[in-house]
Amino acid sequence: MTAPGAAPPATGRGGVLAHLRRCAAWIRWYVKELNGEHAYARYAERARASGEPVLSRRGFERRRVDRRDGDPRESGRCC
């Protein structure tokens, strides 16, 4: 028995494919979050909202790496 207002369980090939697509989309989102791919999109959105000029992707990554290398707590290197 399903809860009132709940969608019926997915049956058939279409339901399985839709479920697989949702899983693949979630995995893709998760991997992009882990490797920092979404960081530039979030930065650009905030910069546009505040009226600041938006750095190029290359400039953003360079600034990000410089900031990380300048802070010994962020760097994974010992030297």
Protein backbone atom coordinates (compact mmCIF):
# COMPACT_ATOMS: atom_id res chain seq x y z
CA MET A 1 0.00 0.00 0.00
CA THR A 2 1.32 3.44 -0.86
CA ALA A 3 0.89 6.67 1.02
CA PRO A 4 -1.97 8.93 -0.12
CA GLY A 5 -0.81 11.25 -2.88
CA ALA A 6 2.37 9.26 -3.49
CA ALA A 7 3.30 8.29 -7.01
CA PRO A 8 2.80 4.65 -7.84
CA PRO A 9 5.97 2.58 -7.98
CA ALA A 10 7.82 2.69 -11.29
CA THR A 11 7.13 -0.41 -13.29
CA GLY A 12 8.20 -1.49 -16.69
CA ARG A 13 11.18 -0.53 -18.74
CA GLY A 14 10.39 3.22 -18.79
CA GLY A 15 10.39 3.43 -15.01
CA VAL A 16 13.71 1.63 -14.74
CA LEU A 17 15.32 3.86 -17.37
CA ALA A 18 14.03 6.99 -15.67
CA HIS A 19 15.43 5.77 -12.37
CA LEU A 20 18.82 5.04 -13.98
CA ARG A 21 18.87 8.52 -15.54
CA ARG A 22 18.18 10.13 -12.16
CA CYS A 23 20.94 8.05 -10.57
CA ALA A 24 23.39 8.98 -13.33
CA ALA A 25 22.51 12.68 -12.97
CA TRP A 26 23.05 12.50 -9.21
CA ILE A 27 26.42 10.75 -9.63
CA ARG A 28 27.48 13.35 -12.21
CA TRP A 29 26.50 16.18 -9.82
CA TYR A 30 28.32 14.53 -6.92
CA VAL A 31 31.57 14.02 -8.87
CA LYS A 32 31.49 17.64 -10.06
CA GLU A 33 31.06 18.80 -6.46
CA LEU A 34 33.96 16.66 -5.30
CA ASN A 35 36.40 17.89 -7.92
CA GLY A 36 35.39 21.56 -7.64
CA GLU A 37 33.79 21.84 -11.07
CA HIS A 38 30.78 23.75 -9.69
CA ALA A 39 32.95 26.28 -7.84
CA TYR A 40 33.32 28.54 -10.88
CA ALA A 41 29.59 28.50 -11.64
CA ARG A 42 28.80 29.50 -8.05
CA TYR A 43 31.47 32.22 -8.12
CA ALA A 44 30.20 33.66 -11.43
CA GLU A 45 26.61 33.67 -10.18
CA ARG A 46 27.56 35.54 -6.99
CA ALA A 47 29.78 38.02 -8.87
CA ARG A 48 27.02 38.82 -11.40
CA ALA A 49 24.47 39.25 -8.61
CA SER A 50 26.69 41.73 -6.78
CA GLY A 51 27.66 43.60 -9.96
CA GLU A 52 31.36 42.69 -9.78
CA PRO A 53 33.29 41.86 -12.95
CA VAL A 54 33.50 38.11 -13.53
CA LEU A 55 36.95 36.59 -13.93
CA SER A 56 37.59 34.16 -16.77
CA ARG A 57 37.64 30.49 -15.85
CA ARG A 58 41.43 30.50 -16.12
CA GLY A 59 41.75 33.59 -13.93
CA PHE A 60 39.41 32.10 -11.34
CA GLU A 61 41.36 28.85 -11.17
CA ARG A 62 44.69 30.72 -10.95
CA ARG A 63 43.39 32.83 -8.05
CA ARG A 64 42.00 29.74 -6.35
CA VAL A 65 45.30 27.85 -6.62
CA ASP A 66 47.31 30.88 -5.46
CA ARG A 67 45.06 31.28 -2.42
CA ARG A 68 45.33 27.58 -1.61
CA ASP A 69 49.13 27.59 -1.99
CA GLY A 70 49.48 30.71 0.16
CA ASP A 71 47.65 29.21 3.11
CA PRO A 72 49.63 26.44 4.84
CA ARG A 73 46.44 24.99 6.34
CA GLU A 74 44.95 24.47 2.87
CA SER A 75 48.03 23.11 1.14
CA GLY A 76 48.66 19.41 1.13
CA ARG A 77 52.37 19.96 0.60
CA CYS A 78 54.96 20.17 3.33
CA CYS A 79 57.36 22.54 1.55
